Amino acid sequence: MFYPWHLYLMGGMYVLAGLMHFIKPKMYMRIMPNYLPYHKTLVYLSGLSEILLGMGVCFSITKNLSIYGLIVMLILFLLVHFYMLSGKKAAAGIPKWLLVLRLPLQFLLIYWAYQYLDI
């Protein structure tokens, strides 16, 4: 079964984002909230999750489960986005206006994924 091209675009976007967790792990570890343990492990697990879920949306047998997984992951990633707003060090040099702009973007990504669910 073939899906709209933008579903594959979304899947590819998550695969690439997940790969970046392995290519530049220090970049992601810098923005991990202090209250979370095992930063390196969580960076790799989140990267692996993004890769698997991004690939999963491309196949009919795993599409809906992968979309639910992406939605849960995006909600969990809000923890990092709010943490980055907590102070200058947590912001990792990213301007505050850009960090604020990422919050509605996160909800748009959730909505984008939700659009592909076969309800």
N, C-alpha and C. Protein backbone atom coordinates (compact mmCIF):
# COMPACT_ATOMS: atom_id res chain seq x y z
N MET A 1 0.83 -1.18 0.00
CA MET A 1 0.00 0.00 0.00
C MET A 1 0.88 1.24 0.00
N PHE A 2 0.52 2.21 -0.81
CA PHE A 2 1.27 3.45 -0.88
C PHE A 2 0.53 4.54 -0.13
N TYR A 3 1.28 5.32 0.60
CA TYR A 3 0.73 6.43 1.37
C TYR A 3 1.15 7.73 0.71
N PRO A 4 0.56 8.85 1.14
CA PRO A 4 0.95 10.14 0.56
C PRO A 4 2.44 10.41 0.79
N TRP A 5 3.05 11.11 -0.12
CA TRP A 5 4.48 11.39 -0.06
C TRP A 5 4.87 12.08 1.24
N HIS A 6 3.97 12.89 1.80
CA HIS A 6 4.32 13.64 3.00
C HIS A 6 4.41 12.74 4.24
N LEU A 7 3.78 11.57 4.21
CA LEU A 7 3.96 10.62 5.30
C LEU A 7 5.39 10.08 5.26
N TYR A 8 5.89 9.77 4.06
CA TYR A 8 7.27 9.30 3.92
C TYR A 8 8.26 10.41 4.29
N LEU A 9 7.90 11.65 3.97
CA LEU A 9 8.73 12.79 4.36
C LEU A 9 8.83 12.86 5.88
N MET A 10 7.69 12.73 6.54
CA MET A 10 7.68 12.76 7.99
C MET A 10 8.53 11.62 8.56
N GLY A 11 8.35 10.42 8.03
CA GLY A 11 9.15 9.28 8.49
C GLY A 11 10.63 9.51 8.28
N GLY A 12 10.99 10.02 7.12
CA GLY A 12 12.40 10.30 6.83
C GLY A 12 12.98 11.35 7.75
N MET A 13 12.17 12.34 8.09
CA MET A 13 12.60 13.39 8.99
C MET A 13 12.98 12.81 10.36
N TYR A 14 12.16 11.87 10.85
CA TYR A 14 12.47 11.25 12.15
C TYR A 14 13.67 10.33 12.06
N VAL A 15 13.83 9.63 10.95
CA VAL A 15 15.02 8.78 10.79
C VAL A 15 16.28 9.64 10.81
N LEU A 16 16.27 10.74 10.07
CA LEU A 16 17.44 11.63 10.06
C LEU A 16 17.70 12.24 11.44
N ALA A 17 16.63 12.67 12.10
CA ALA A 17 16.78 13.24 13.44
C ALA A 17 17.36 12.19 14.40
N GLY A 18 16.90 10.96 14.28
CA GLY A 18 17.41 9.88 15.13
C GLY A 18 18.87 9.59 14.86
N LEU A 19 19.26 9.61 13.60
CA LEU A 19 20.67 9.37 13.25
C LEU A 19 21.58 10.44 13.87
N MET A 20 21.07 11.67 13.95
CA MET A 20 21.87 12.75 14.53
C MET A 20 22.21 12.48 16.00
N HIS A 21 21.37 11.70 16.69
CA HIS A 21 21.66 11.36 18.08
C HIS A 21 22.93 10.52 18.19
N PHE A 22 23.24 9.78 17.13
CA PHE A 22 24.43 8.94 17.11
C PHE A 22 25.63 9.68 16.52
N ILE A 23 25.37 10.62 15.62
CA ILE A 23 26.44 11.38 14.98
C ILE A 23 26.96 12.48 15.90
N LYS A 24 26.04 13.17 16.58
CA LYS A 24 26.39 14.29 17.47
C LYS A 24 25.76 14.11 18.86
N PRO A 25 26.08 13.04 19.57
CA PRO A 25 25.41 12.79 20.86
C PRO A 25 25.66 13.89 21.90
N LYS A 26 26.84 14.51 21.87
CA LYS A 26 27.14 15.55 22.87
C LYS A 26 26.18 16.73 22.75
N MET A 27 25.76 17.02 21.53
CA MET A 27 24.82 18.12 21.32
C MET A 27 23.51 17.86 22.07
N TYR A 28 23.07 16.61 22.06
CA TYR A 28 21.81 16.25 22.73
C TYR A 28 22.01 16.10 24.24
N MET A 29 23.18 15.63 24.66
CA MET A 29 23.43 15.48 26.09
C MET A 29 23.47 16.84 26.79
N ARG A 30 23.90 17.88 26.06
CA ARG A 30 23.96 19.23 26.64
C ARG A 30 22.58 19.75 27.03
N ILE A 31 21.56 19.28 26.35
CA ILE A 31 20.21 19.83 26.60
C ILE A 31 19.34 18.89 27.44
N MET A 32 19.94 17.83 27.95
CA MET A 32 19.18 16.89 28.79
C MET A 32 18.93 17.52 30.16
N PRO A 33 17.70 17.45 30.64
CA PRO A 33 17.41 17.99 31.98
C PRO A 33 18.24 17.27 33.05
N ASN A 34 18.69 18.04 34.02
CA ASN A 34 19.54 17.49 35.10
C ASN A 34 18.84 16.39 35.89
N TYR A 35 17.52 16.47 35.98
CA TYR A 35 16.80 15.50 36.80
C TYR A 35 16.64 14.13 36.13
N LEU A 36 17.04 14.02 34.88
CA LEU A 36 16.99 12.71 34.19
C LEU A 36 18.34 12.02 34.33
N PRO A 37 18.35 10.73 34.66
CA PRO A 37 19.61 10.00 34.78
C PRO A 37 20.10 9.47 33.43
N TYR A 38 21.32 9.01 33.39
CA TYR A 38 21.88 8.30 32.24
C TYR A 38 21.68 9.06 30.93
N HIS A 39 22.19 10.26 30.87
CA HIS A 39 21.98 11.12 29.70
C HIS A 39 22.39 10.46 28.38
N LYS A 40 23.57 9.87 28.37
CA LYS A 40 24.06 9.27 27.12
C LYS A 40 23.15 8.12 26.68
N THR A 41 22.74 7.29 27.61
CA THR A 41 21.85 6.18 27.29
C THR A 41 20.52 6.70 26.77
N LEU A 42 19.98 7.73 27.41
CA LEU A 42 18.71 8.29 26.96
C LEU A 42 18.82 8.94 25.58
N VAL A 43 19.95 9.57 25.30
CA VAL A 43 20.16 10.16 23.98
C VAL A 43 20.15 9.05 22.92
N TYR A 44 20.87 7.98 23.17
CA TYR A 44 20.91 6.88 22.20
C TYR A 44 19.55 6.18 22.07
N LEU A 45 18.87 5.98 23.19
CA LEU A 45 17.54 5.33 23.13
C LEU A 45 16.53 6.20 22.39
N SER A 46 16.58 7.51 22.63
CA SER A 46 15.64 8.38 21.92
C SER A 46 15.98 8.42 20.43
N GLY A 47 17.26 8.40 20.09
CA GLY A 47 17.66 8.36 18.69
C GLY A 47 17.20 7.07 18.02
N LEU A 48 17.40 5.95 18.69
CA LEU A 48 16.95 4.66 18.15
C LEU A 48 15.44 4.65 17.99
N SER A 49 14.73 5.21 18.97
CA SER A 49 13.27 5.28 18.89
C SER A 49 12.83 6.09 17.68
N GLU A 50 13.47 7.24 17.48
CA GLU A 50 13.11 8.07 16.33
C GLU A 50 13.34 7.32 15.01
N ILE A 51 14.44 6.61 14.92
CA ILE A 51 14.74 5.86 13.70
C ILE A 51 13.69 4.78 13.47
N LEU A 52 13.43 3.98 14.48
CA LEU A 52 12.48 2.87 14.33
C LEU A 52 11.06 3.36 14.07
N LEU A 53 10.64 4.39 14.79
CA LEU A 53 9.29 4.92 14.58
C LEU A 53 9.16 5.61 13.23
N GLY A 54 10.21 6.31 12.82
CA GLY A 54 10.21 6.95 11.50
C GLY A 54 10.10 5.92 10.39
N MET A 55 10.81 4.81 10.53
CA MET A 55 10.71 3.74 9.54
C MET A 55 9.34 3.06 9.63
N GLY A 56 8.84 2.91 10.85
CA GLY A 56 7.59 2.21 11.07
C GLY A 56 6.38 2.87 10.42
N VAL A 57 6.39 4.19 10.25
CA VAL A 57 5.23 4.85 9.64
C VAL A 57 5.10 4.51 8.16
N CYS A 58 6.13 3.94 7.56
CA CYS A 58 6.13 3.65 6.13
C CYS A 58 5.51 2.29 5.78
N PHE A 59 5.15 1.51 6.77
CA PHE A 59 4.62 0.17 6.53
C PHE A 59 3.24 0.04 7.17
N SER A 60 2.29 -0.50 6.42
CA SER A 60 0.91 -0.54 6.90
C SER A 60 0.77 -1.32 8.22
N ILE A 61 1.56 -2.36 8.40
CA ILE A 61 1.42 -3.19 9.61
C ILE A 61 1.88 -2.45 10.87
N THR A 62 2.79 -1.48 10.71
CA THR A 62 3.33 -0.77 11.88
C THR A 62 2.98 0.72 11.91
N LYS A 63 2.28 1.20 10.90
CA LYS A 63 2.04 2.65 10.77
C LYS A 63 1.35 3.24 11.98
N ASN A 64 0.20 2.73 12.36
CA ASN A 64 -0.55 3.33 13.46
C ASN A 64 0.20 3.24 14.79
N LEU A 65 0.80 2.09 15.07
CA LEU A 65 1.56 1.94 16.31
C LEU A 65 2.74 2.93 16.33
N SER A 66 3.39 3.09 15.19
CA SER A 66 4.51 4.02 15.10
C SER A 66 4.05 5.46 15.29
N ILE A 67 2.90 5.79 14.75
CA ILE A 67 2.37 7.15 14.93
C ILE A 67 2.05 7.41 16.39
N TYR A 68 1.42 6.45 17.06
CA TYR A 68 1.18 6.61 18.49
C TYR A 68 2.50 6.77 19.24
N GLY A 69 3.50 6.00 18.86
CA GLY A 69 4.82 6.11 19.47
C GLY A 69 5.44 7.47 19.26
N LEU A 70 5.31 8.01 18.05
CA LEU A 70 5.83 9.35 17.77
C LEU A 70 5.13 10.41 18.61
N ILE A 71 3.83 10.28 18.74
CA ILE A 71 3.07 11.26 19.53
C ILE A 71 3.52 11.22 20.99
N VAL A 72 3.67 10.03 21.54
CA VAL A 72 4.15 9.90 22.93
C VAL A 72 5.55 10.48 23.06
N MET A 73 6.42 10.16 22.10
CA MET A 73 7.79 10.66 22.12
C MET A 73 7.81 12.18 22.06
N LEU A 74 7.01 12.77 21.18
CA LEU A 74 6.97 14.22 21.06
C LEU A 74 6.46 14.88 22.34
N ILE A 75 5.52 14.25 23.00
CA ILE A 75 5.04 14.78 24.28
C ILE A 75 6.15 14.71 25.32
N LEU A 76 6.88 13.59 25.36
CA LEU A 76 7.99 13.46 26.30
C LEU A 76 9.10 14.47 26.01
N PHE A 77 9.34 14.75 24.74
CA PHE A 77 10.37 15.72 24.37
C PHE A 77 10.03 17.13 24.83
N LEU A 78 8.77 17.37 25.16
CA LEU A 78 8.39 18.68 25.71
C LEU A 78 9.15 18.95 27.01
N LEU A 79 9.50 17.89 27.75
CA LEU A 79 10.29 18.05 28.97
C LEU A 79 11.60 18.78 28.67
N VAL A 80 12.25 18.38 27.59
CA VAL A 80 13.51 19.00 27.20
C VAL A 80 13.27 20.45 26.76
N HIS A 81 12.21 20.68 26.00
CA HIS A 81 11.93 22.03 25.51
C HIS A 81 11.66 22.99 26.67
N PHE A 82 10.90 22.56 27.65
CA PHE A 82 10.63 23.41 28.82
C PHE A 82 11.89 23.59 29.66
N TYR A 83 12.68 22.52 29.80
CA TYR A 83 13.93 22.62 30.54
C TYR A 83 14.85 23.66 29.90
N MET A 84 14.92 23.69 28.60
CA MET A 84 15.80 24.62 27.91
C MET A 84 15.38 26.08 28.14
N LEU A 85 14.13 26.28 28.50
CA LEU A 85 13.65 27.63 28.81
C LEU A 85 13.96 28.04 30.26
N SER A 86 14.49 27.12 31.06
CA SER A 86 14.67 27.37 32.48
C SER A 86 15.88 28.24 32.81
N GLY A 87 16.79 28.41 31.89
CA GLY A 87 17.96 29.24 32.19
C GLY A 87 18.93 29.31 31.04
N LYS A 88 19.92 30.17 31.20
CA LYS A 88 20.90 30.41 30.13
C LYS A 88 21.72 29.16 29.81
N LYS A 89 22.17 28.45 30.86
CA LYS A 89 22.97 27.24 30.64
C LYS A 89 22.14 26.16 29.94
N ALA A 90 20.90 25.99 30.39
CA ALA A 90 20.02 24.98 29.81
C ALA A 90 19.68 25.29 28.36
N ALA A 91 19.69 26.57 28.00
CA ALA A 91 19.34 26.99 26.64
C ALA A 91 20.42 26.62 25.63
N ALA A 92 21.61 26.30 26.11
CA ALA A 92 22.72 25.85 25.26
C ALA A 92 23.03 26.83 24.13
N GLY A 93 22.89 28.12 24.43
CA GLY A 93 23.24 29.14 23.44
C GLY A 93 22.16 29.44 22.42
N ILE A 94 21.03 28.80 22.51
CA ILE A 94 19.93 29.03 21.58
C ILE A 94 19.11 30.22 22.08
N PRO A 95 18.81 31.19 21.21
CA PRO A 95 18.05 32.36 21.66
C PRO A 95 16.68 31.96 22.23
N LYS A 96 16.26 32.70 23.26
CA LYS A 96 15.01 32.38 23.94
C LYS A 96 13.82 32.42 22.99
N TRP A 97 13.79 33.38 22.05
CA TRP A 97 12.66 33.48 21.12
C TRP A 97 12.53 32.22 20.28
N LEU A 98 13.66 31.61 19.94
CA LEU A 98 13.62 30.38 19.15
C LEU A 98 13.13 29.20 20.01
N LEU A 99 13.55 29.19 21.27
CA LEU A 99 13.09 28.13 22.17
C LEU A 99 11.58 28.22 22.40
N VAL A 100 11.07 29.44 22.52
CA VAL A 100 9.63 29.64 22.69
C VAL A 100 8.89 29.21 21.43
N LEU A 101 9.45 29.52 20.28
CA LEU A 101 8.84 29.15 18.99
C LEU A 101 8.76 27.64 18.81
N ARG A 102 9.69 26.92 19.43
CA ARG A 102 9.69 25.45 19.31
C ARG A 102 8.49 24.80 19.98
N LEU A 103 7.93 25.44 20.99
CA LEU A 103 6.80 24.83 21.70
C LEU A 103 5.58 24.64 20.80
N PRO A 104 5.10 25.67 20.11
CA PRO A 104 3.97 25.42 19.20
C PRO A 104 4.36 24.49 18.05
N LEU A 105 5.62 24.55 17.64
CA LEU A 105 6.08 23.64 16.59
C LEU A 105 5.93 22.19 17.03
N GLN A 106 6.22 21.92 18.29
CA GLN A 106 6.09 20.56 18.82
C GLN A 106 4.64 20.08 18.70
N PHE A 107 3.69 20.97 19.01
CA PHE A 107 2.28 20.60 18.91
C PHE A 107 1.85 20.43 17.45
N LEU A 108 2.46 21.20 16.55
CA LEU A 108 2.19 21.01 15.12
C LEU A 108 2.71 19.65 14.65
N LEU A 109 3.86 19.24 15.15
CA LEU A 109 4.40 17.93 14.79
C LEU A 109 3.49 16.81 15.30
N ILE A 110 2.96 16.99 16.50
CA ILE A 110 2.02 16.01 17.05
C ILE A 110 0.78 15.94 16.17
N TYR A 111 0.25 17.09 15.79
CA TYR A 111 -0.94 17.14 14.92
C TYR A 111 -0.65 16.51 13.55
N TRP A 112 0.54 16.79 13.01
CA TRP A 112 0.92 16.23 11.71
C TRP A 112 0.90 14.71 11.78
N ALA A 113 1.48 14.14 12.82
CA ALA A 113 1.50 12.68 12.96
C ALA A 113 0.08 12.15 13.13
N TYR A 114 -0.71 12.82 13.96
CA TYR A 114 -2.08 12.38 14.23
C TYR A 114 -2.93 12.28 12.96
N GLN A 115 -2.65 13.12 11.99
CA GLN A 115 -3.41 13.15 10.74
C GLN A 115 -3.36 11.83 9.96
N TYR A 116 -2.34 11.04 10.21
CA TYR A 116 -2.17 9.80 9.46
C TYR A 116 -2.76 8.56 10.14
N LEU A 117 -3.31 8.75 11.31
CA LEU A 117 -3.91 7.60 12.00
C LEU A 117 -5.16 7.14 11.29
N ASP A 118 -5.30 5.83 11.19
CA ASP A 118 -6.54 5.22 10.65
C ASP A 118 -7.45 4.97 11.83
N ILE A 119 -8.27 5.94 12.11
CA ILE A 119 -9.17 5.82 13.28
C ILE A 119 -10.49 5.22 12.84
